[in-house]
Amino acid sequence: MMARRQHEIRIGLIKARISRRQTGPNTRYSVAVVRLYRNGDVWSESSRFGPKDLPLVRLVLDRAHLWVLQQSQRIDS
């Protein structure tokens, strides 16, 4: 079964996309992190980060982790 985008967390130009996949009785989450940048008038995304991006990457991942844990607790309840 395909993963469906479930939630998105963005801080500044750093964004985490959380997808959910149902595999039988189990629910699995995956997280993709990107950095937004502008090339002229067009917004694009990159999976490469500079040293100045890393504190925001960490913060976005912490929030993504918390969100996944909260979702897992809802499913288990």
PDB file of N, CA and C in Angstrom:
ATOM      1  N   MET A   1       0.836  -1.175   0.000  1.00  0.00           N
ATOM      2  CA  MET A   1       0.000   0.000   0.000  1.00  0.00           C
ATOM      3  C   MET A   1       0.881   1.238   0.000  1.00  0.00           C
ATOM      4  N   MET A   2       0.467   2.284  -0.724  1.00  0.00           N
ATOM      5  CA  MET A   2       1.251   3.500  -0.814  1.00  0.00           C
ATOM      6  C   MET A   2       1.168   4.309   0.480  1.00  0.00           C
ATOM      7  N   ALA A   3       2.255   5.035   0.753  1.00  0.00           N
ATOM      8  CA  ALA A   3       2.256   5.932   1.903  1.00  0.00           C
ATOM      9  C   ALA A   3       1.468   7.184   1.546  1.00  0.00           C
ATOM     10  N   ARG A   4       0.737   7.686   2.513  1.00  0.00           N
ATOM     11  CA  ARG A   4      -0.028   8.912   2.309  1.00  0.00           C
ATOM     12  C   ARG A   4       0.548  10.001   3.196  1.00  0.00           C
ATOM     13  N   ARG A   5       0.700  11.202   2.622  1.00  0.00           N
ATOM     14  CA  ARG A   5       1.198  12.311   3.423  1.00  0.00           C
ATOM     15  C   ARG A   5       0.189  12.594   4.517  1.00  0.00           C
ATOM     16  N   GLN A   6       0.666  12.627   5.727  1.00  0.00           N
ATOM     17  CA  GLN A   6      -0.195  12.744   6.889  1.00  0.00           C
ATOM     18  C   GLN A   6      -0.095  14.124   7.535  1.00  0.00           C
ATOM     19  N   HIS A   7       1.116  14.665   7.612  1.00  0.00           N
ATOM     20  CA  HIS A   7       1.321  15.899   8.359  1.00  0.00           C
ATOM     21  C   HIS A   7       2.571  16.593   7.839  1.00  0.00           C
ATOM     22  N   GLU A   8       2.630  17.911   8.038  1.00  0.00           N
ATOM     23  CA  GLU A   8       3.794  18.681   7.607  1.00  0.00           C
ATOM     24  C   GLU A   8       4.147  19.663   8.712  1.00  0.00           C
ATOM     25  N   ILE A   9       5.438  19.784   8.993  1.00  0.00           N
ATOM     26  CA  ILE A   9       5.927  20.709  10.002  1.00  0.00           C
ATOM     27  C   ILE A   9       6.949  21.600   9.313  1.00  0.00           C
ATOM     28  N   ARG A  10       6.779  22.911   9.463  1.00  0.00           N
ATOM     29  CA  ARG A  10       7.707  23.835   8.810  1.00  0.00           C
ATOM     30  C   ARG A  10       8.153  24.896   9.804  1.00  0.00           C
ATOM     31  N   ILE A  11       9.455  25.119   9.821  1.00  0.00           N
ATOM     32  CA  ILE A  11      10.046  26.210  10.589  1.00  0.00           C
ATOM     33  C   ILE A  11      11.001  26.930   9.646  1.00  0.00           C
ATOM     34  N   GLY A  12      10.703  28.169   9.357  1.00  0.00           N
ATOM     35  CA  GLY A  12      11.526  28.912   8.414  1.00  0.00           C
ATOM     36  C   GLY A  12      11.520  28.223   7.067  1.00  0.00           C
ATOM     37  N   LEU A  13      12.703  27.938   6.544  1.00  0.00           N
ATOM     38  CA  LEU A  13      12.831  27.292   5.239  1.00  0.00           C
ATOM     39  C   LEU A  13      13.018  25.781   5.335  1.00  0.00           C
ATOM     40  N   ILE A  14      12.902  25.227   6.535  1.00  0.00           N
ATOM     41  CA  ILE A  14      13.071  23.786   6.730  1.00  0.00           C
ATOM     42  C   ILE A  14      11.697  23.151   6.937  1.00  0.00           C
ATOM     43  N   LYS A  15      11.442  22.059   6.217  1.00  0.00           N
ATOM     44  CA  LYS A  15      10.132  21.419   6.267  1.00  0.00           C
ATOM     45  C   LYS A  15      10.289  19.906   6.422  1.00  0.00           C
ATOM     46  N   ALA A  16       9.468  19.330   7.293  1.00  0.00           N
ATOM     47  CA  ALA A  16       9.405  17.875   7.443  1.00  0.00           C
ATOM     48  C   ALA A  16       8.033  17.408   6.980  1.00  0.00           C
ATOM     49  N   ARG A  17       8.024  16.395   6.121  1.00  0.00           N
ATOM     50  CA  ARG A  17       6.777  15.772   5.678  1.00  0.00           C
ATOM     51  C   ARG A  17       6.691  14.391   6.307  1.00  0.00           C
ATOM     52  N   ILE A  18       5.579  14.143   6.961  1.00  0.00           N
ATOM     53  CA  ILE A  18       5.394  12.859   7.630  1.00  0.00           C
ATOM     54  C   ILE A  18       4.348  12.078   6.847  1.00  0.00           C
ATOM     55  N   SER A  19       4.713  10.868   6.471  1.00  0.00           N
ATOM     56  CA  SER A  19       3.805   9.987   5.740  1.00  0.00           C
ATOM     57  C   SER A  19       3.473   8.785   6.590  1.00  0.00           C
ATOM     58  N   ARG A  20       2.270   8.252   6.359  1.00  0.00           N
ATOM     59  CA  ARG A  20       1.815   7.074   7.102  1.00  0.00           C
ATOM     60  C   ARG A  20       1.560   5.955   6.116  1.00  0.00           C
ATOM     61  N   ARG A  21       1.966   4.754   6.503  1.00  0.00           N
ATOM     62  CA  ARG A  21       1.730   3.560   5.688  1.00  0.00           C
ATOM     63  C   ARG A  21       1.153   2.485   6.580  1.00  0.00           C
ATOM     64  N   GLN A  22       0.054   1.934   6.138  1.00  0.00           N
ATOM     65  CA  GLN A  22      -0.589   0.844   6.877  1.00  0.00           C
ATOM     66  C   GLN A  22      -0.097  -0.471   6.278  1.00  0.00           C
ATOM     67  N   THR A  23       0.566  -1.281   7.093  1.00  0.00           N
ATOM     68  CA  THR A  23       1.048  -2.586   6.641  1.00  0.00           C
ATOM     69  C   THR A  23       0.402  -3.647   7.525  1.00  0.00           C
ATOM     70  N   GLY A  24      -0.702  -4.155   7.047  1.00  0.00           N
ATOM     71  CA  GLY A  24      -1.452  -5.115   7.853  1.00  0.00           C
ATOM     72  C   GLY A  24      -1.955  -4.432   9.103  1.00  0.00           C
ATOM     73  N   PRO A  25      -1.700  -5.014  10.267  1.00  0.00           N
ATOM     74  CA  PRO A  25      -2.177  -4.404  11.509  1.00  0.00           C
ATOM     75  C   PRO A  25      -1.273  -3.262  12.002  1.00  0.00           C
ATOM     76  N   ASN A  26      -0.124  -3.076  11.364  1.00  0.00           N
ATOM     77  CA  ASN A  26       0.841  -2.083  11.822  1.00  0.00           C
ATOM     78  C   ASN A  26       0.740  -0.780  11.032  1.00  0.00           C
ATOM     79  N   THR A  27       0.981   0.311  11.722  1.00  0.00           N
ATOM     80  CA  THR A  27       1.071   1.623  11.087  1.00  0.00           C
ATOM     81  C   THR A  27       2.518   2.069  11.173  1.00  0.00           C
ATOM     82  N   ARG A  28       3.079   2.457  10.037  1.00  0.00           N
ATOM     83  CA  ARG A  28       4.464   2.923   9.992  1.00  0.00           C
ATOM     84  C   ARG A  28       4.496   4.353   9.498  1.00  0.00           C
ATOM     85  N   TYR A  29       5.373   5.142  10.095  1.00  0.00           N
ATOM     86  CA  TYR A  29       5.541   6.532   9.703  1.00  0.00           C
ATOM     87  C   TYR A  29       6.946   6.720   9.136  1.00  0.00           C
ATOM     88  N   SER A  30       7.047   7.603   8.158  1.00  0.00           N
ATOM     89  CA  SER A  30       8.359   7.986   7.643  1.00  0.00           C
ATOM     90  C   SER A  30       8.392   9.508   7.548  1.00  0.00           C
ATOM     91  N   VAL A  31       9.599  10.062   7.663  1.00  0.00           N
ATOM     92  CA  VAL A  31       9.779  11.513   7.674  1.00  0.00           C
ATOM     93  C   VAL A  31      10.800  11.894   6.614  1.00  0.00           C
ATOM     94  N   ALA A  32      10.443  12.872   5.802  1.00  0.00           N
ATOM     95  CA  ALA A  32      11.360  13.432   4.808  1.00  0.00           C
ATOM     96  C   ALA A  32      11.570  14.899   5.162  1.00  0.00           C
ATOM     97  N   VAL A  33      12.819  15.339   5.152  1.00  0.00           N
ATOM     98  CA  VAL A  33      13.150  16.724   5.492  1.00  0.00           C
ATOM     99  C   VAL A  33      13.747  17.397   4.265  1.00  0.00           C
ATOM    100  N   VAL A  34      13.291  18.609   3.983  1.00  0.00           N
ATOM    101  CA  VAL A  34      13.800  19.380   2.848  1.00  0.00           C
ATOM    102  C   VAL A  34      14.057  20.822   3.281  1.00  0.00           C
ATOM    103  N   ARG A  35      14.899  21.474   2.499  1.00  0.00           N
ATOM    104  CA  ARG A  35      15.148  22.906   2.678  1.00  0.00           C
ATOM    105  C   ARG A  35      14.583  23.614   1.461  1.00  0.00           C
ATOM    106  N   LEU A  36      13.777  24.619   1.693  1.00  0.00           N
ATOM    107  CA  LEU A  36      13.204  25.404   0.602  1.00  0.00           C
ATOM    108  C   LEU A  36      14.204  26.483   0.184  1.00  0.00           C
ATOM    109  N   TYR A  37      14.269  26.737  -1.094  1.00  0.00           N
ATOM    110  CA  TYR A  37      15.096  27.835  -1.586  1.00  0.00           C
ATOM    111  C   TYR A  37      14.452  28.416  -2.842  1.00  0.00           C
ATOM    112  N   ARG A  38      14.831  29.623  -3.138  1.00  0.00           N
ATOM    113  CA  ARG A  38      14.244  30.318  -4.268  1.00  0.00           C
ATOM    114  C   ARG A  38      15.284  30.503  -5.354  1.00  0.00           C
ATOM    115  N   ASN A  39      14.936  30.102  -6.557  1.00  0.00           N
ATOM    116  CA  ASN A  39      15.799  30.260  -7.722  1.00  0.00           C
ATOM    117  C   ASN A  39      15.071  31.204  -8.673  1.00  0.00           C
ATOM    118  N   GLY A  40      15.356  32.485  -8.551  1.00  0.00           N
ATOM    119  CA  GLY A  40      14.602  33.475  -9.313  1.00  0.00           C
ATOM    120  C   GLY A  40      13.210  33.603  -8.729  1.00  0.00           C
ATOM    121  N   ASP A  41      12.193  33.355  -9.534  1.00  0.00           N
ATOM    122  CA  ASP A  41      10.802  33.422  -9.077  1.00  0.00           C
ATOM    123  C   ASP A  41      10.243  32.063  -8.680  1.00  0.00           C
ATOM    124  N   VAL A  42      11.042  31.023  -8.811  1.00  0.00           N
ATOM    125  CA  VAL A  42      10.562  29.654  -8.582  1.00  0.00           C
ATOM    126  C   VAL A  42      11.094  29.123  -7.258  1.00  0.00           C
ATOM    127  N   TRP A  43      10.180  28.597  -6.421  1.00  0.00           N
ATOM    128  CA  TRP A  43      10.572  27.946  -5.181  1.00  0.00           C
ATOM    129  C   TRP A  43      10.879  26.481  -5.466  1.00  0.00           C
ATOM    130  N   SER A  44      11.979  26.001  -4.893  1.00  0.00           N
ATOM    131  CA  SER A  44      12.396  24.611  -5.065  1.00  0.00           C
ATOM    132  C   SER A  44      12.751  24.022  -3.711  1.00  0.00           C
ATOM    133  N   GLU A  45      13.084  22.734  -3.716  1.00  0.00           N
ATOM    134  CA  GLU A  45      13.451  22.033  -2.487  1.00  0.00           C
ATOM    135  C   GLU A  45      14.771  21.312  -2.672  1.00  0.00           C
ATOM    136  N   SER A  46      15.505  21.201  -1.586  1.00  0.00           N
ATOM    137  CA  SER A  46      16.775  20.480  -1.587  1.00  0.00           C
ATOM    138  C   SER A  46      16.843  19.600  -0.354  1.00  0.00           C
ATOM    139  N   SER A  47      17.534  18.486  -0.479  1.00  0.00           N
ATOM    140  CA  SER A  47      17.744  17.615   0.680  1.00  0.00           C
ATOM    141  C   SER A  47      19.147  17.818   1.259  1.00  0.00           C
ATOM    142  N   ARG A  48      19.824  18.858   0.818  1.00  0.00           N
ATOM    143  CA  ARG A  48      21.148  19.200   1.351  1.00  0.00           C
ATOM    144  C   ARG A  48      21.014  20.399   2.269  1.00  0.00           C
ATOM    145  N   PHE A  49      21.803  20.366   3.347  1.00  0.00           N
ATOM    146  CA  PHE A  49      21.705  21.404   4.359  1.00  0.00           C
ATOM    147  C   PHE A  49      23.087  21.948   4.685  1.00  0.00           C
ATOM    148  N   GLY A  50      23.145  23.253   4.901  1.00  0.00           N
ATOM    149  CA  GLY A  50      24.382  23.891   5.327  1.00  0.00           C
ATOM    150  C   GLY A  50      24.464  23.913   6.842  1.00  0.00           C
ATOM    151  N   PRO A  51      25.616  24.278   7.376  1.00  0.00           N
ATOM    152  CA  PRO A  51      25.786  24.317   8.830  1.00  0.00           C
ATOM    153  C   PRO A  51      24.755  25.202   9.534  1.00  0.00           C
ATOM    154  N   LYS A  52      24.354  26.301   8.909  1.00  0.00           N
ATOM    155  CA  LYS A  52      23.386  27.199   9.539  1.00  0.00           C
ATOM    156  C   LYS A  52      21.977  26.608   9.550  1.00  0.00           C
ATOM    157  N   ASP A  53      21.716  25.628   8.685  1.00  0.00           N
ATOM    158  CA  ASP A  53      20.400  24.980   8.638  1.00  0.00           C
ATOM    159  C   ASP A  53      20.219  23.936   9.735  1.00  0.00           C
ATOM    160  N   LEU A  54      21.308  23.393  10.227  1.00  0.00           N
ATOM    161  CA  LEU A  54      21.235  22.229  11.107  1.00  0.00           C
ATOM    162  C   LEU A  54      20.441  22.441  12.400  1.00  0.00           C
ATOM    163  N   PRO A  55      20.534  23.598  13.069  1.00  0.00           N
ATOM    164  CA  PRO A  55      19.688  23.761  14.268  1.00  0.00           C
ATOM    165  C   PRO A  55      18.196  23.676  13.948  1.00  0.00           C
ATOM    166  N   LEU A  56      17.767  24.224  12.809  1.00  0.00           N
ATOM    167  CA  LEU A  56      16.354  24.135  12.435  1.00  0.00           C
ATOM    168  C   LEU A  56      15.982  22.721  12.003  1.00  0.00           C
ATOM    169  N   VAL A  57      16.890  22.027  11.345  1.00  0.00           N
ATOM    170  CA  VAL A  57      16.633  20.630  10.974  1.00  0.00           C
ATOM    171  C   VAL A  57      16.391  19.813  12.237  1.00  0.00           C
ATOM    172  N   ARG A  58      17.232  20.029  13.224  1.00  0.00           N
ATOM    173  CA  ARG A  58      17.080  19.301  14.490  1.00  0.00           C
ATOM    174  C   ARG A  58      15.735  19.607  15.146  1.00  0.00           C
ATOM    175  N   LEU A  59      15.360  20.888  15.170  1.00  0.00           N
ATOM    176  CA  LEU A  59      14.103  21.281  15.783  1.00  0.00           C
ATOM    177  C   LEU A  59      12.904  20.697  15.039  1.00  0.00           C
ATOM    178  N   VAL A  60      12.946  20.738  13.718  1.00  0.00           N
ATOM    179  CA  VAL A  60      11.853  20.171  12.918  1.00  0.00           C
ATOM    180  C   VAL A  60      11.752  18.664  13.148  1.00  0.00           C
ATOM    181  N   LEU A  61      12.891  17.982  13.210  1.00  0.00           N
ATOM    182  CA  LEU A  61      12.878  16.534  13.452  1.00  0.00           C
ATOM    183  C   LEU A  61      12.372  16.204  14.860  1.00  0.00           C
ATOM    184  N   ASP A  62      12.734  17.025  15.849  1.00  0.00           N
ATOM    185  CA  ASP A  62      12.210  16.814  17.206  1.00  0.00           C
ATOM    186  C   ASP A  62      10.690  16.924  17.216  1.00  0.00           C
ATOM    187  N   ARG A  63      10.168  17.924  16.517  1.00  0.00           N
ATOM    188  CA  ARG A  63       8.713  18.101  16.470  1.00  0.00           C
ATOM    189  C   ARG A  63       8.042  16.983  15.682  1.00  0.00           C
ATOM    190  N   ALA A  64       8.690  16.521  14.624  1.00  0.00           N
ATOM    191  CA  ALA A  64       8.142  15.403  13.852  1.00  0.00           C
ATOM    192  C   ALA A  64       8.110  14.142  14.716  1.00  0.00           C
ATOM    193  N   HIS A  65       9.161  13.925  15.470  1.00  0.00           N
ATOM    194  CA  HIS A  65       9.225  12.763  16.354  1.00  0.00           C
ATOM    195  C   HIS A  65       8.105  12.811  17.385  1.00  0.00           C
ATOM    196  N   LEU A  66       7.897  13.973  17.990  1.00  0.00           N
ATOM    197  CA  LEU A  66       6.825  14.137  18.971  1.00  0.00           C
ATOM    198  C   LEU A  66       5.465  13.875  18.331  1.00  0.00           C
ATOM    199  N   TRP A  67       5.245  14.379  17.120  1.00  0.00           N
ATOM    200  CA  TRP A  67       3.965  14.184  16.446  1.00  0.00           C
ATOM    201  C   TRP A  67       3.717  12.695  16.181  1.00  0.00           C
ATOM    202  N   VAL A  68       4.747  11.985  15.719  1.00  0.00           N
ATOM    203  CA  VAL A  68       4.600  10.552  15.447  1.00  0.00           C
ATOM    204  C   VAL A  68       4.297   9.806  16.744  1.00  0.00           C
ATOM    205  N   LEU A  69       4.983  10.143  17.826  1.00  0.00           N
ATOM    206  CA  LEU A  69       4.701   9.492  19.110  1.00  0.00           C
ATOM    207  C   LEU A  69       3.265   9.731  19.550  1.00  0.00           C
ATOM    208  N   GLN A  70       2.772  10.947  19.366  1.00  0.00           N
ATOM    209  CA  GLN A  70       1.391  11.252  19.739  1.00  0.00           C
ATOM    210  C   GLN A  70       0.402  10.451  18.897  1.00  0.00           C
ATOM    211  N   GLN A  71       0.700  10.298  17.614  1.00  0.00           N
ATOM    212  CA  GLN A  71      -0.184   9.523  16.747  1.00  0.00           C
ATOM    213  C   GLN A  71      -0.176   8.054  17.153  1.00  0.00           C
ATOM    214  N   SER A  72       0.988   7.547  17.506  1.00  0.00           N
ATOM    215  CA  SER A  72       1.109   6.151  17.926  1.00  0.00           C
ATOM    216  C   SER A  72       0.332   5.908  19.206  1.00  0.00           C
ATOM    217  N   GLN A  73       0.329   6.862  20.107  1.00  0.00           N
ATOM    218  CA  GLN A  73      -0.425   6.721  21.354  1.00  0.00           C
ATOM    219  C   GLN A  73      -1.922   6.723  21.086  1.00  0.00           C
ATOM    220  N   ARG A  74      -2.368   7.513  20.108  1.00  0.00           N
ATOM    221  CA  ARG A  74      -3.795   7.526  19.755  1.00  0.00           C
ATOM    222  C   ARG A  74      -4.234   6.193  19.189  1.00  0.00           C
ATOM    223  N   ILE A  75      -3.361   5.591  18.377  1.00  0.00           N
ATOM    224  CA  ILE A  75      -3.693   4.310  17.753  1.00  0.00           C
ATOM    225  C   ILE A  75      -3.758   3.209  18.816  1.00  0.00           C
ATOM    226  N   ASP A  76      -2.810   3.253  19.760  1.00  0.00           N
ATOM    227  CA  ASP A  76      -2.743   2.228  20.800  1.00  0.00           C
ATOM    228  C   ASP A  76      -3.870   2.352  21.823  1.00  0.00           C
ATOM    229  N   SER A  77      -4.439   3.542  21.947  1.00  0.00           N
ATOM    230  CA  SER A  77      -5.489   3.773  22.965  1.00  0.00           C
ATOM    231  C   SER A  77      -6.806   3.139  22.576  1.00  0.00           C
TER     232      SER A  77
END
